[in-house]
Protein backbone atom coordinates (compact mmCIF):
# COMPACT_ATOMS: atom_id res chain seq x y z
CA MET A 1 23.22 -10.71 -5.32
CA ALA A 2 20.05 -9.47 -7.00
CA TYR A 3 19.56 -10.30 -10.66
CA LEU A 4 16.85 -10.54 -13.27
CA VAL A 5 16.84 -13.66 -15.40
CA ASN A 6 14.17 -12.95 -17.97
CA PRO A 7 11.22 -10.81 -16.85
CA SER A 8 8.29 -10.71 -19.24
CA PRO A 9 7.00 -7.38 -20.57
CA ALA A 10 3.72 -8.10 -18.74
CA TYR A 11 5.55 -8.48 -15.41
CA CYS A 12 7.64 -5.33 -15.97
CA GLU A 13 4.56 -3.34 -16.98
CA ALA A 14 2.53 -4.55 -13.99
CA LEU A 15 5.37 -3.78 -11.57
CA GLY A 16 5.84 -0.32 -13.09
CA ARG A 17 2.14 0.48 -12.86
CA PHE A 18 2.07 -0.73 -9.25
CA VAL A 19 5.02 1.49 -8.32
CA VAL A 20 3.28 4.50 -9.91
CA GLU A 21 -0.06 3.74 -8.18
CA TYR A 22 1.68 3.21 -4.84
CA ALA A 23 3.51 6.55 -5.20
CA ASP A 24 0.14 8.22 -5.74
CA LEU A 25 -1.20 6.41 -2.65
CA GLU A 26 1.75 7.81 -0.66
CA PHE A 27 0.84 11.31 -1.84
CA CYS A 28 -2.79 10.80 -0.79
CA MET A 29 -1.62 9.53 2.60
CA SER A 30 0.51 12.66 3.07
CA GLN A 31 -2.59 14.79 2.44
CA VAL A 32 -4.64 12.79 4.94
CA LEU A 33 -1.84 13.25 7.51
CA ARG A 34 -1.84 17.00 6.81
CA ILE A 35 -5.60 17.17 7.32
CA ALA A 36 -5.43 15.10 10.52
CA CYS A 37 -2.74 17.42 11.91
CA GLY A 38 -4.62 20.54 10.85
CA VAL A 39 -1.55 22.20 9.34
CA THR A 40 -0.93 24.01 6.06
CA LYS A 41 0.70 22.41 3.02
CA ASN A 42 3.93 24.30 3.72
CA VAL A 43 4.10 23.21 7.35
CA SER A 44 3.19 19.65 6.42
CA GLY A 45 5.88 19.62 3.73
CA ALA A 46 8.45 20.89 6.20
CA ILE A 47 7.59 18.32 8.85
CA PHE A 48 6.43 15.20 7.00
CA THR A 49 8.37 15.09 3.71
CA GLY A 50 9.50 11.49 3.23
CA THR A 51 7.20 10.04 5.89
CA ARG A 52 6.33 6.46 4.94
CA CYS A 53 2.74 5.21 4.81
CA SER A 54 3.16 3.03 7.90
CA LEU A 55 4.39 5.97 10.01
CA SER A 56 1.70 8.27 8.57
CA MET A 57 -1.00 5.75 9.57
CA ALA A 58 0.48 5.51 13.09
CA HIS A 59 0.53 9.31 13.42
CA ILE A 60 -3.07 9.62 12.23
CA LYS A 61 -4.25 6.93 14.67
CA ARG A 62 -2.44 8.65 17.56
CA ILE A 63 -3.87 12.04 16.60
CA GLN A 64 -7.40 10.61 16.67
CA GLU A 65 -6.70 8.88 20.00
CA GLY A 66 -5.38 12.18 21.38
CA LYS A 67 -8.55 13.91 20.27
CA GLY A 68 -10.62 11.13 21.84
CA GLU A 69 -12.21 10.46 18.47
CA PRO A 70 -12.57 7.19 16.57
CA LEU A 71 -10.76 6.68 13.30
CA ASP A 72 -12.90 7.70 10.33
CA PRO A 73 -14.60 4.66 8.72
CA TRP A 74 -12.85 5.31 5.38
CA LEU A 75 -9.48 5.24 7.10
CA GLU A 76 -10.48 2.23 9.21
CA ARG A 77 -11.26 0.40 5.98
CA ALA A 78 -8.12 1.46 4.10
CA PHE A 79 -5.35 1.22 6.70
CA PRO A 80 -5.12 -2.60 7.06
CA LYS A 81 -5.03 -3.02 3.26
CA ILE A 82 -2.43 -0.25 2.89
CA ALA A 83 -0.29 -2.08 5.46
CA GLU A 84 -0.60 -5.29 3.38
CA LEU A 85 0.23 -3.48 0.15
CA THR A 86 3.22 -1.77 1.78
CA THR A 87 4.57 -5.13 2.95
CA ALA A 88 4.07 -6.61 -0.53
CA ARG A 89 5.71 -3.61 -2.20
CA ASP A 90 8.71 -3.68 0.11
CA SER A 91 9.13 -7.43 -0.28
CA ILE A 92 8.92 -7.34 -4.08
CA LEU A 93 11.17 -4.32 -4.55
CA HIS A 94 13.79 -5.34 -1.98
CA ASN A 95 13.64 -9.14 -2.16
CA GLY A 96 12.07 -10.00 -5.53
CA ASN A 97 15.39 -10.73 -7.11
CA ARG A 98 14.86 -13.70 -9.41
CA THR A 99 12.41 -13.11 -12.23
CA ASN A 100 11.54 -15.44 -15.05
CA GLY A 101 8.65 -14.69 -17.35
CA ASP A 102 5.58 -13.58 -15.42
CA LEU A 103 6.87 -14.87 -12.05
CA ALA A 104 9.29 -13.37 -9.55
CA GLU A 105 10.73 -15.22 -6.59
CA VAL A 106 10.56 -13.06 -3.50
CA THR A 107 13.02 -14.35 -0.93
CA THR A 108 15.10 -13.35 2.06
CA LYS A 109 17.08 -16.59 2.21
CA ASP A 110 20.37 -14.84 1.40
CA ARG A 111 19.63 -11.85 3.63
CA SER A 112 18.12 -13.10 6.88
CA ILE A 113 18.79 -15.50 9.68
CA LYS A 114 17.15 -18.85 9.12
CA ILE A 115 14.10 -18.36 11.35
CA LYS A 116 13.18 -15.13 9.51
CA GLN A 117 13.67 -16.40 5.97
CA TYR A 118 10.83 -16.68 3.50
CA THR A 119 10.37 -17.41 -0.19
CA TYR A 120 7.30 -17.12 -2.38
CA THR A 121 6.44 -16.25 -5.95
CA VAL A 122 4.51 -13.29 -7.24
CA SER A 123 3.03 -13.07 -10.73
CA ALA A 124 2.06 -10.22 -13.03
CA GLN A 125 -1.56 -11.15 -12.23
CA ASP A 126 -0.86 -10.82 -8.48
CA ILE A 127 0.56 -7.37 -9.10
CA ASP A 128 -2.51 -6.43 -11.16
CA LEU A 129 -4.64 -7.32 -8.12
CA MET A 130 -2.38 -5.16 -5.94
CA ILE A 131 -2.95 -2.28 -8.36
CA ASP A 132 -6.72 -2.72 -8.06
CA ASP A 133 -6.51 -2.67 -4.25
CA THR A 134 -4.16 0.33 -4.31
CA GLU A 135 -6.76 2.23 -6.35
CA THR A 136 -9.48 1.20 -3.89
CA ALA A 137 -7.39 2.23 -0.87
CA LYS A 138 -6.56 5.52 -2.55
CA ALA A 139 -10.26 6.13 -3.14
CA CYS A 140 -10.90 5.57 0.59
CA LEU A 141 -8.30 8.22 1.43
CA ILE A 142 -9.75 10.61 -1.14
CA ALA A 143 -13.30 10.01 0.12
CA TYR A 144 -12.09 10.93 3.63
CA TRP A 145 -10.26 13.98 2.26
CA VAL A 146 -13.32 15.17 0.29
CA ILE A 147 -15.61 14.80 3.32
CA GLN A 148 -13.18 16.77 5.51
CA ARG A 149 -12.36 19.55 3.05
CA PHE A 150 -15.09 19.73 0.43
CA PRO A 151 -18.27 18.13 1.82
CA ARG A 152 -20.40 19.22 -1.13
CA ASN A 153 -18.05 17.96 -3.84
CA ARG A 154 -19.97 16.43 -6.74
CA ARG A 155 -17.35 13.74 -7.31
CA TYR A 156 -17.73 12.26 -3.82
CA ASP A 157 -20.07 9.54 -5.10
CA ASP A 158 -17.48 8.49 -7.70
CA TRP A 159 -14.81 8.12 -5.02
CA LYS A 160 -17.25 6.43 -2.67
CA ASN A 161 -18.18 3.82 -5.29
CA THR A 162 -14.53 3.01 -5.96
CA ALA A 163 -13.71 3.00 -2.24
CA GLN A 164 -16.43 0.42 -1.59
CA ARG A 165 -15.07 -2.16 -4.04
CA GLU A 166 -14.12 -5.55 -2.64
CA TRP A 167 -10.46 -6.16 -1.84
CA VAL A 168 -9.03 -8.59 -4.39
CA TYR A 169 -5.35 -9.14 -3.52
CA LYS A 170 -4.66 -11.91 -1.02
CA PRO A 171 -1.09 -11.91 0.28
CA PRO A 172 0.75 -15.19 0.89
CA VAL A 173 0.13 -16.58 4.36
CA ARG A 174 3.13 -17.17 6.62
CA VAL A 175 3.01 -20.07 9.05
CA ASN A 176 6.06 -20.52 11.30
CA ASN A 177 8.00 -18.17 8.96
CA GLN A 178 7.21 -20.43 6.00
CA VAL A 179 5.09 -18.95 3.27
CA ASN A 180 2.03 -20.91 2.26
CA LYS A 181 1.69 -20.43 -1.47
CA GLN A 182 -2.06 -21.02 -1.21
CA ARG A 183 -3.74 -17.63 -0.92
């Protein structure tokens, strides 16, 4: 049973900001998928409403393969980090059920068979790093979008500078289905 013991305001605020940033990332991903497919907003909305980031990335990769073209460098940079952030988001929101102060325990020990169980902690500071990387990944998607749709846009350099930031969030490392708390 999921429960919150005593989350700190800092943890709640960080998690809320991450959820908002991730939702914006999902919107940007839907626009990149629309551009890759070459369809209108209405057609894209009819076909892809509710498509998750992981499926959108798979569709975009297959579209590029079908065209015989490489994945755009901005997308090549962003997709692995978006996959990491998606895993972190899903784990925190679906398995981060014990929170005390600035730490949440993320665990599947009551939900999975033994060989697939994991437990680790995530802090408000970890979530702040996820927010930074979500903004960077979003900037990569927007840089791609601007190049494809508005190549002379004056704000491209702003997006490019943000998109080139270093990744800062390091997810926990799993070894033999055990999570190494050293990142």
